[in-house]
All heavy atoms as atom14 arrays in JSON, in Angstrom:
{
  "sequence": "STNYADSVKGRFTISRDNAKNTVYLQMNSLKPEDTAVY",
  "atom14_mask": [
    [1, 1, 1, 1, 1, 1, 0, 0, 0, 0, 0, 0, 0, 0],
    [1, 1, 1, 1, 1, 1, 1, 0, 0, 0, 0, 0, 0, 0],
    [1, 1, 1, 1, 1, 1, 1, 1, 0, 0, 0, 0, 0, 0],
    [1, 1, 1, 1, 1, 1, 1, 1, 1, 1, 1, 1, 0, 0],
    [1, 1, 1, 1, 1, 0, 0, 0, 0, 0, 0, 0, 0, 0],
    [1, 1, 1, 1, 1, 1, 1, 1, 0, 0, 0, 0, 0, 0],
    [1, 1, 1, 1, 1, 1, 0, 0, 0, 0, 0, 0, 0, 0],
    [1, 1, 1, 1, 1, 1, 1, 0, 0, 0, 0, 0, 0, 0],
    [1, 1, 1, 1, 1, 1, 1, 1, 1, 0, 0, 0, 0, 0],
    [1, 1, 1, 1, 0, 0, 0, 0, 0, 0, 0, 0, 0, 0],
    [1, 1, 1, 1, 1, 1, 1, 1, 1, 1, 1, 0, 0, 0],
    [1, 1, 1, 1, 1, 1, 1, 1, 1, 1, 1, 0, 0, 0],
    [1, 1, 1, 1, 1, 1, 1, 0, 0, 0, 0, 0, 0, 0],
    [1, 1, 1, 1, 1, 1, 1, 1, 0, 0, 0, 0, 0, 0],
    [1, 1, 1, 1, 1, 1, 0, 0, 0, 0, 0, 0, 0, 0],
    [1, 1, 1, 1, 1, 1, 1, 1, 1, 1, 1, 0, 0, 0],
    [1, 1, 1, 1, 1, 1, 1, 1, 0, 0, 0, 0, 0, 0],
    [1, 1, 1, 1, 1, 1, 1, 1, 0, 0, 0, 0, 0, 0],
    [1, 1, 1, 1, 1, 0, 0, 0, 0, 0, 0, 0, 0, 0],
    [1, 1, 1, 1, 1, 1, 1, 1, 1, 0, 0, 0, 0, 0],
    [1, 1, 1, 1, 1, 1, 1, 1, 0, 0, 0, 0, 0, 0],
    [1, 1, 1, 1, 1, 1, 1, 0, 0, 0, 0, 0, 0, 0],
    [1, 1, 1, 1, 1, 1, 1, 0, 0, 0, 0, 0, 0, 0],
    [1, 1, 1, 1, 1, 1, 1, 1, 1, 1, 1, 1, 0, 0],
    [1, 1, 1, 1, 1, 1, 1, 1, 0, 0, 0, 0, 0, 0],
    [1, 1, 1, 1, 1, 1, 1, 1, 1, 0, 0, 0, 0, 0],
    [1, 1, 1, 1, 1, 1, 1, 1, 0, 0, 0, 0, 0, 0],
    [1, 1, 1, 1, 1, 1, 1, 1, 0, 0, 0, 0, 0, 0],
    [1, 1, 1, 1, 1, 1, 0, 0, 0, 0, 0, 0, 0, 0],
    [1, 1, 1, 1, 1, 1, 1, 1, 0, 0, 0, 0, 0, 0],
    [1, 1, 1, 1, 1, 1, 1, 1, 1, 0, 0, 0, 0, 0],
    [1, 1, 1, 1, 1, 1, 1, 0, 0, 0, 0, 0, 0, 0],
    [1, 1, 1, 1, 1, 1, 1, 1, 1, 0, 0, 0, 0, 0],
    [1, 1, 1, 1, 1, 1, 1, 1, 0, 0, 0, 0, 0, 0],
    [1, 1, 1, 1, 1, 1, 1, 0, 0, 0, 0, 0, 0, 0],
    [1, 1, 1, 1, 1, 0, 0, 0, 0, 0, 0, 0, 0, 0],
    [1, 1, 1, 1, 1, 1, 1, 0, 0, 0, 0, 0, 0, 0],
    [1, 1, 1, 1, 1, 1, 1, 1, 1, 1, 1, 1, 0, 0]
  ],
  "atom14_positions": [
    [[-27.32, 20.74, 28.62], [-26.46, 20.71, 29.8], [-25.02, 20.55, 29.39], [-24.69, 19.66, 28.6], [-26.88, 19.55, 30.71], [-26.02, 19.45, 31.82], [0.0, 0.0, 0.0], [0.0, 0.0, 0.0], [0.0, 0.0, 0.0], [0.0, 0.0, 0.0], [0.0, 0.0, 0.0], [0.0, 0.0, 0.0], [0.0, 0.0, 0.0], [0.0, 0.0, 0.0]],
    [[-24.17, 21.42, 29.91], [-22.74, 21.32, 29.68], [-22.03, 21.43, 31.03], [-22.51, 22.12, 31.94], [-22.22, 22.43, 28.76], [-22.54, 23.71, 29.33], [-22.86, 22.33, 27.38], [0.0, 0.0, 0.0], [0.0, 0.0, 0.0], [0.0, 0.0, 0.0], [0.0, 0.0, 0.0], [0.0, 0.0, 0.0], [0.0, 0.0, 0.0], [0.0, 0.0, 0.0]],
    [[-20.92, 20.74, 31.13], [-20.15, 20.76, 32.37], [-18.66, 20.85, 32.05], [-18.22, 20.37, 31.0], [-20.41, 19.51, 33.2], [-21.85, 19.44, 33.69], [-22.25, 20.2, 34.56], [-22.63, 18.55, 33.11], [0.0, 0.0, 0.0], [0.0, 0.0, 0.0], [0.0, 0.0, 0.0], [0.0, 0.0, 0.0], [0.0, 0.0, 0.0], [0.0, 0.0, 0.0]],
    [[-17.92, 21.45, 32.99], [-16.49, 21.66, 32.77], [-15.71, 21.35, 34.03], [-16.17, 21.61, 35.15], [-16.24, 23.12, 32.39], [-16.95, 23.56, 31.13], [-18.22, 24.13, 31.2], [-16.37, 23.38, 29.88], [-18.9, 24.5, 30.05], [-17.03, 23.75, 28.72], [-18.29, 24.32, 28.81], [-18.95, 24.69, 27.66], [0.0, 0.0, 0.0], [0.0, 0.0, 0.0]],
    [[-14.51, 20.84, 33.82], [-13.58, 20.7, 34.93], [-13.18, 22.09, 35.4], [-13.13, 23.04, 34.61], [-12.34, 19.92, 34.49], [0.0, 0.0, 0.0], [0.0, 0.0, 0.0], [0.0, 0.0, 0.0], [0.0, 0.0, 0.0], [0.0, 0.0, 0.0], [0.0, 0.0, 0.0], [0.0, 0.0, 0.0], [0.0, 0.0, 0.0], [0.0, 0.0, 0.0]],
    [[-12.89, 22.21, 36.68], [-12.53, 23.52, 37.23], [-11.32, 24.12, 36.52], [-11.22, 25.33, 36.37], [-12.23, 23.39, 38.73], [-13.48, 23.16, 39.55], [-14.6, 23.4, 39.05], [-13.34, 22.73, 40.72], [0.0, 0.0, 0.0], [0.0, 0.0, 0.0], [0.0, 0.0, 0.0], [0.0, 0.0, 0.0], [0.0, 0.0, 0.0], [0.0, 0.0, 0.0]],
    [[-10.42, 23.26, 36.07], [-9.18, 23.74, 35.45], [-9.41, 24.43, 34.12], [-8.53, 25.17, 33.65], [-8.21, 22.58, 35.28], [-8.77, 21.57, 34.47], [0.0, 0.0, 0.0], [0.0, 0.0, 0.0], [0.0, 0.0, 0.0], [0.0, 0.0, 0.0], [0.0, 0.0, 0.0], [0.0, 0.0, 0.0], [0.0, 0.0, 0.0], [0.0, 0.0, 0.0]],
    [[-10.57, 24.19, 33.49], [-10.82, 24.79, 32.16], [-12.04, 25.7, 32.16], [-12.32, 26.35, 31.14], [-10.99, 23.7, 31.08], [-9.79, 22.75, 31.09], [-12.29, 22.94, 31.26], [0.0, 0.0, 0.0], [0.0, 0.0, 0.0], [0.0, 0.0, 0.0], [0.0, 0.0, 0.0], [0.0, 0.0, 0.0], [0.0, 0.0, 0.0], [0.0, 0.0, 0.0]],
    [[-12.74, 25.75, 33.26], [-13.97, 26.55, 33.33], [-13.67, 28.0, 33.03], [-12.72, 28.58, 33.55], [-14.59, 26.4, 34.72], [-16.05, 26.79, 34.81], [-16.62, 26.4, 36.16], [-16.66, 24.89, 36.34], [-17.27, 24.49, 37.63], [0.0, 0.0, 0.0], [0.0, 0.0, 0.0], [0.0, 0.0, 0.0], [0.0, 0.0, 0.0], [0.0, 0.0, 0.0]],
    [[-14.48, 28.59, 32.15], [-14.28, 29.98, 31.76], [-13.37, 30.15, 30.57], [-13.29, 31.25, 30.0], [0.0, 0.0, 0.0], [0.0, 0.0, 0.0], [0.0, 0.0, 0.0], [0.0, 0.0, 0.0], [0.0, 0.0, 0.0], [0.0, 0.0, 0.0], [0.0, 0.0, 0.0], [0.0, 0.0, 0.0], [0.0, 0.0, 0.0], [0.0, 0.0, 0.0]],
    [[-12.66, 29.08, 30.2], [-11.74, 29.16, 29.06], [-12.17, 28.26, 27.91], [-11.92, 28.59, 26.75], [-10.32, 28.75, 29.5], [-9.74, 29.64, 30.59], [-8.27, 29.3, 30.85], [-8.08, 27.94, 31.33], [-7.32, 27.03, 30.71], [-6.69, 27.33, 29.6], [-7.18, 25.81, 31.23], [0.0, 0.0, 0.0], [0.0, 0.0, 0.0], [0.0, 0.0, 0.0]],
    [[-12.78, 27.13, 28.23], [-13.2, 26.17, 27.21], [-14.72, 26.2, 27.08], [-15.44, 26.41, 28.06], [-12.79, 24.76, 27.6], [-11.31, 24.48, 27.54], [-10.37, 25.49, 27.41], [-10.85, 23.18, 27.63], [-9.01, 25.22, 27.37], [-9.5, 22.88, 27.58], [-8.57, 23.9, 27.46], [0.0, 0.0, 0.0], [0.0, 0.0, 0.0], [0.0, 0.0, 0.0]],
    [[-15.18, 25.96, 25.85], [-16.62, 25.88, 25.59], [-16.91, 24.67, 24.71], [-16.31, 24.53, 23.64], [-17.13, 27.15, 24.89], [-16.8, 28.3, 25.69], [-18.64, 27.09, 24.68], [0.0, 0.0, 0.0], [0.0, 0.0, 0.0], [0.0, 0.0, 0.0], [0.0, 0.0, 0.0], [0.0, 0.0, 0.0], [0.0, 0.0, 0.0], [0.0, 0.0, 0.0]],
    [[-17.83, 23.84, 25.16], [-18.24, 22.68, 24.38], [-19.56, 23.0, 23.69], [-20.43, 23.68, 24.26], [-18.36, 21.42, 25.29], [-18.53, 20.16, 24.45], [-19.49, 21.58, 26.3], [-18.42, 18.87, 25.27], [0.0, 0.0, 0.0], [0.0, 0.0, 0.0], [0.0, 0.0, 0.0], [0.0, 0.0, 0.0], [0.0, 0.0, 0.0], [0.0, 0.0, 0.0]],
    [[-19.7, 22.51, 22.47], [-20.94, 22.74, 21.73], [-21.14, 21.59, 20.74], [-20.23, 20.8, 20.52], [-20.89, 24.07, 20.97], [-19.85, 24.08, 20.02], [0.0, 0.0, 0.0], [0.0, 0.0, 0.0], [0.0, 0.0, 0.0], [0.0, 0.0, 0.0], [0.0, 0.0, 0.0], [0.0, 0.0, 0.0], [0.0, 0.0, 0.0], [0.0, 0.0, 0.0]],
    [[-22.34, 21.53, 20.18], [-22.6, 20.45, 19.23], [-23.38, 20.99, 18.05], [-24.19, 21.91, 18.19], [-23.33, 19.3, 19.92], [-24.72, 19.6, 20.44], [-25.2, 18.46, 21.34], [-25.07, 17.18, 20.68], [-24.87, 16.02, 21.33], [-24.78, 16.01, 22.64], [-24.75, 14.9, 20.66], [0.0, 0.0, 0.0], [0.0, 0.0, 0.0], [0.0, 0.0, 0.0]],
    [[-23.13, 20.4, 16.89], [-23.86, 20.69, 15.67], [-24.37, 19.35, 15.16], [-23.66, 18.62, 14.48], [-22.96, 21.38, 14.64], [-23.72, 21.81, 13.4], [-24.81, 21.27, 13.14], [-23.21, 22.67, 12.68], [0.0, 0.0, 0.0], [0.0, 0.0, 0.0], [0.0, 0.0, 0.0], [0.0, 0.0, 0.0], [0.0, 0.0, 0.0], [0.0, 0.0, 0.0]],
    [[-25.59, 19.03, 15.53], [-26.12, 17.71, 15.18], [-26.28, 17.54, 13.67], [-26.19, 16.42, 13.16], [-27.45, 17.48, 15.89], [-27.28, 17.31, 17.39], [-26.2, 16.97, 17.88], [-28.35, 17.55, 18.14], [0.0, 0.0, 0.0], [0.0, 0.0, 0.0], [0.0, 0.0, 0.0], [0.0, 0.0, 0.0], [0.0, 0.0, 0.0], [0.0, 0.0, 0.0]],
    [[-26.51, 18.61, 12.96], [-26.64, 18.52, 11.5], [-25.34, 18.05, 10.87], [-25.35, 17.39, 9.83], [-27.05, 19.87, 10.93], [0.0, 0.0, 0.0], [0.0, 0.0, 0.0], [0.0, 0.0, 0.0], [0.0, 0.0, 0.0], [0.0, 0.0, 0.0], [0.0, 0.0, 0.0], [0.0, 0.0, 0.0], [0.0, 0.0, 0.0], [0.0, 0.0, 0.0]],
    [[-24.23, 18.39, 11.52], [-22.92, 17.98, 11.01], [-22.39, 16.76, 11.75], [-21.27, 16.31, 11.48], [-21.92, 19.13, 11.14], [-22.24, 20.33, 10.26], [-21.18, 21.41, 10.37], [-21.5, 22.58, 9.45], [-20.48, 23.65, 9.52], [0.0, 0.0, 0.0], [0.0, 0.0, 0.0], [0.0, 0.0, 0.0], [0.0, 0.0, 0.0], [0.0, 0.0, 0.0]],
    [[-23.2, 16.26, 12.7], [-22.78, 15.07, 13.47], [-21.44, 15.3, 14.15], [-20.58, 14.39, 14.19], [-22.73, 13.83, 12.57], [-23.34, 12.6, 13.24], [-24.2, 12.71, 14.11], [-22.89, 11.43, 12.84], [0.0, 0.0, 0.0], [0.0, 0.0, 0.0], [0.0, 0.0, 0.0], [0.0, 0.0, 0.0], [0.0, 0.0, 0.0], [0.0, 0.0, 0.0]],
    [[-21.27, 16.49, 14.68], [-19.97, 16.9, 15.23], [-20.15, 17.66, 16.55], [-21.11, 18.41, 16.71], [-19.23, 17.8, 14.22], [-19.05, 17.09, 12.99], [-17.87, 18.24, 14.75], [0.0, 0.0, 0.0], [0.0, 0.0, 0.0], [0.0, 0.0, 0.0], [0.0, 0.0, 0.0], [0.0, 0.0, 0.0], [0.0, 0.0, 0.0], [0.0, 0.0, 0.0]],
    [[-19.21, 17.42, 17.45], [-19.12, 18.17, 18.7], [-17.8, 18.92, 18.7], [-16.79, 18.41, 18.2], [-19.22, 17.24, 19.91], [-18.87, 17.96, 21.2], [-20.62, 16.65, 20.01], [0.0, 0.0, 0.0], [0.0, 0.0, 0.0], [0.0, 0.0, 0.0], [0.0, 0.0, 0.0], [0.0, 0.0, 0.0], [0.0, 0.0, 0.0], [0.0, 0.0, 0.0]],
    [[-17.82, 20.12, 19.25], [-16.64, 20.98, 19.25], [-16.19, 21.29, 20.67], [-17.0, 21.3, 21.61], [-16.93, 22.3, 18.54], [-17.42, 22.13, 17.13], [-18.78, 22.18, 16.82], [-16.52, 21.89, 16.09], [-19.24, 22.02, 15.54], [-16.97, 21.73, 14.79], [-18.32, 21.8, 14.52], [-18.76, 21.63, 13.23], [0.0, 0.0, 0.0], [0.0, 0.0, 0.0]],
    [[-14.91, 21.56, 20.81], [-14.37, 22.08, 22.06], [-13.54, 23.3, 21.71], [-12.44, 23.17, 21.14], [-13.52, 21.03, 22.78], [-13.02, 21.45, 24.16], [-14.2, 21.57, 25.14], [-11.98, 20.47, 24.7], [0.0, 0.0, 0.0], [0.0, 0.0, 0.0], [0.0, 0.0, 0.0], [0.0, 0.0, 0.0], [0.0, 0.0, 0.0], [0.0, 0.0, 0.0]],
    [[-14.08, 24.47, 21.99], [-13.36, 25.71, 21.77], [-12.49, 25.98, 22.99], [-12.99, 26.05, 24.11], [-14.35, 26.87, 21.57], [-13.68, 28.22, 21.39], [-12.9, 28.33, 20.1], [-13.37, 27.89, 19.06], [-11.7, 28.91, 20.17], [0.0, 0.0, 0.0], [0.0, 0.0, 0.0], [0.0, 0.0, 0.0], [0.0, 0.0, 0.0], [0.0, 0.0, 0.0]],
    [[-11.2, 26.12, 22.75], [-10.25, 26.3, 23.84], [-9.57, 27.65, 23.69], [-8.86, 27.87, 22.7], [-9.22, 25.17, 23.84], [-9.84, 23.78, 23.84], [-8.62, 22.46, 24.03], [-7.66, 22.69, 22.57], [0.0, 0.0, 0.0], [0.0, 0.0, 0.0], [0.0, 0.0, 0.0], [0.0, 0.0, 0.0], [0.0, 0.0, 0.0], [0.0, 0.0, 0.0]],
    [[-9.79, 28.52, 24.64], [-9.2, 29.86, 24.63], [-8.25, 30.02, 25.81], [-8.28, 29.23, 26.76], [-10.3, 30.92, 24.71], [-11.25, 30.88, 23.53], [-10.86, 30.52, 22.42], [-12.49, 31.26, 23.76], [0.0, 0.0, 0.0], [0.0, 0.0, 0.0], [0.0, 0.0, 0.0], [0.0, 0.0, 0.0], [0.0, 0.0, 0.0], [0.0, 0.0, 0.0]],
    [[-7.44, 31.04, 25.75], [-6.49, 31.35, 26.84], [-5.71, 30.11, 27.25], [-5.59, 29.79, 28.43], [-7.25, 31.92, 28.04], [-7.97, 33.08, 27.68], [0.0, 0.0, 0.0], [0.0, 0.0, 0.0], [0.0, 0.0, 0.0], [0.0, 0.0, 0.0], [0.0, 0.0, 0.0], [0.0, 0.0, 0.0], [0.0, 0.0, 0.0], [0.0, 0.0, 0.0]],
    [[-5.19, 29.42, 26.27], [-4.51, 28.15, 26.55], [-3.25, 28.36, 27.38], [-2.54, 29.38, 27.23], [-4.19, 27.44, 25.24], [-5.41, 26.75, 24.6], [-5.16, 26.45, 23.14], [-5.74, 25.47, 25.35], [0.0, 0.0, 0.0], [0.0, 0.0, 0.0], [0.0, 0.0, 0.0], [0.0, 0.0, 0.0], [0.0, 0.0, 0.0], [0.0, 0.0, 0.0]],
    [[-3.0, 27.38, 28.22], [-1.84, 27.4, 29.11], [-0.96, 26.19, 28.83], [-1.44, 25.17, 28.33], [-2.31, 27.34, 30.56], [-3.31, 28.41, 30.96], [-3.81, 28.19, 32.37], [-4.82, 29.25, 32.78], [-5.32, 29.03, 34.16], [0.0, 0.0, 0.0], [0.0, 0.0, 0.0], [0.0, 0.0, 0.0], [0.0, 0.0, 0.0], [0.0, 0.0, 0.0]],
    [[0.32, 26.25, 29.18], [1.18, 25.09, 28.98], [0.63, 23.83, 29.64], [0.81, 22.73, 29.11], [2.51, 25.54, 29.61], [2.51, 27.02, 29.44], [1.08, 27.44, 29.62], [0.0, 0.0, 0.0], [0.0, 0.0, 0.0], [0.0, 0.0, 0.0], [0.0, 0.0, 0.0], [0.0, 0.0, 0.0], [0.0, 0.0, 0.0], [0.0, 0.0, 0.0]],
    [[-0.05, 23.98, 30.75], [-0.59, 22.8, 31.45], [-1.79, 22.19, 30.73], [-2.28, 21.13, 31.14], [-0.98, 23.14, 32.89], [-1.83, 24.38, 33.04], [-1.01, 25.61, 33.39], [0.06, 25.82, 32.77], [-1.47, 26.39, 34.26], [0.0, 0.0, 0.0], [0.0, 0.0, 0.0], [0.0, 0.0, 0.0], [0.0, 0.0, 0.0], [0.0, 0.0, 0.0]],
    [[-2.26, 22.82, 29.66], [-3.3, 22.22, 28.83], [-2.73, 21.24, 27.81], [-3.49, 20.57, 27.11], [-4.09, 23.31, 28.09], [-4.88, 24.21, 29.02], [-5.49, 23.68, 29.98], [-4.89, 25.44, 28.78], [0.0, 0.0, 0.0], [0.0, 0.0, 0.0], [0.0, 0.0, 0.0], [0.0, 0.0, 0.0], [0.0, 0.0, 0.0], [0.0, 0.0, 0.0]],
    [[-1.42, 21.18, 27.72], [-0.77, 20.27, 26.78], [-1.13, 18.83, 27.11], [-0.94, 18.36, 28.25], [0.75, 20.44, 26.84], [1.07, 21.77, 26.38], [1.46, 19.41, 25.97], [0.0, 0.0, 0.0], [0.0, 0.0, 0.0], [0.0, 0.0, 0.0], [0.0, 0.0, 0.0], [0.0, 0.0, 0.0], [0.0, 0.0, 0.0], [0.0, 0.0, 0.0]],
    [[-1.67, 18.12, 26.12], [-2.13, 16.74, 26.33], [-2.68, 16.21, 25.01], [-2.86, 16.96, 24.05], [-3.24, 16.7, 27.38], [0.0, 0.0, 0.0], [0.0, 0.0, 0.0], [0.0, 0.0, 0.0], [0.0, 0.0, 0.0], [0.0, 0.0, 0.0], [0.0, 0.0, 0.0], [0.0, 0.0, 0.0], [0.0, 0.0, 0.0], [0.0, 0.0, 0.0]],
    [[-2.93, 14.92, 25.0], [-3.73, 14.33, 23.92], [-5.19, 14.43, 24.36], [-5.54, 14.02, 25.48], [-3.34, 12.86, 23.67], [-4.23, 12.26, 22.59], [-1.87, 12.77, 23.28], [0.0, 0.0, 0.0], [0.0, 0.0, 0.0], [0.0, 0.0, 0.0], [0.0, 0.0, 0.0], [0.0, 0.0, 0.0], [0.0, 0.0, 0.0], [0.0, 0.0, 0.0]],
    [[-6.0, 14.97, 23.49], [-7.42, 15.17, 23.79], [-8.25, 14.11, 23.08], [-8.07, 13.88, 21.87], [-7.85, 16.57, 23.36], [-7.4, 17.63, 24.32], [-6.05, 17.98, 24.41], [-8.29, 18.29, 25.16], [-5.61, 18.94, 25.31], [-7.88, 19.26, 26.06], [-6.54, 19.58, 26.13], [-6.1, 20.54, 27.02], [0.0, 0.0, 0.0], [0.0, 0.0, 0.0]]
  ]
}
């Protein structure tokens, strides 16, 4: 199950690689309003 805020839906993708103990956030089509500390 994955969920997204409306502001990023269709542009961001969350995924996980448990073997690497890591979660990723792929961010495409970035906009100035995406500027923030994540």
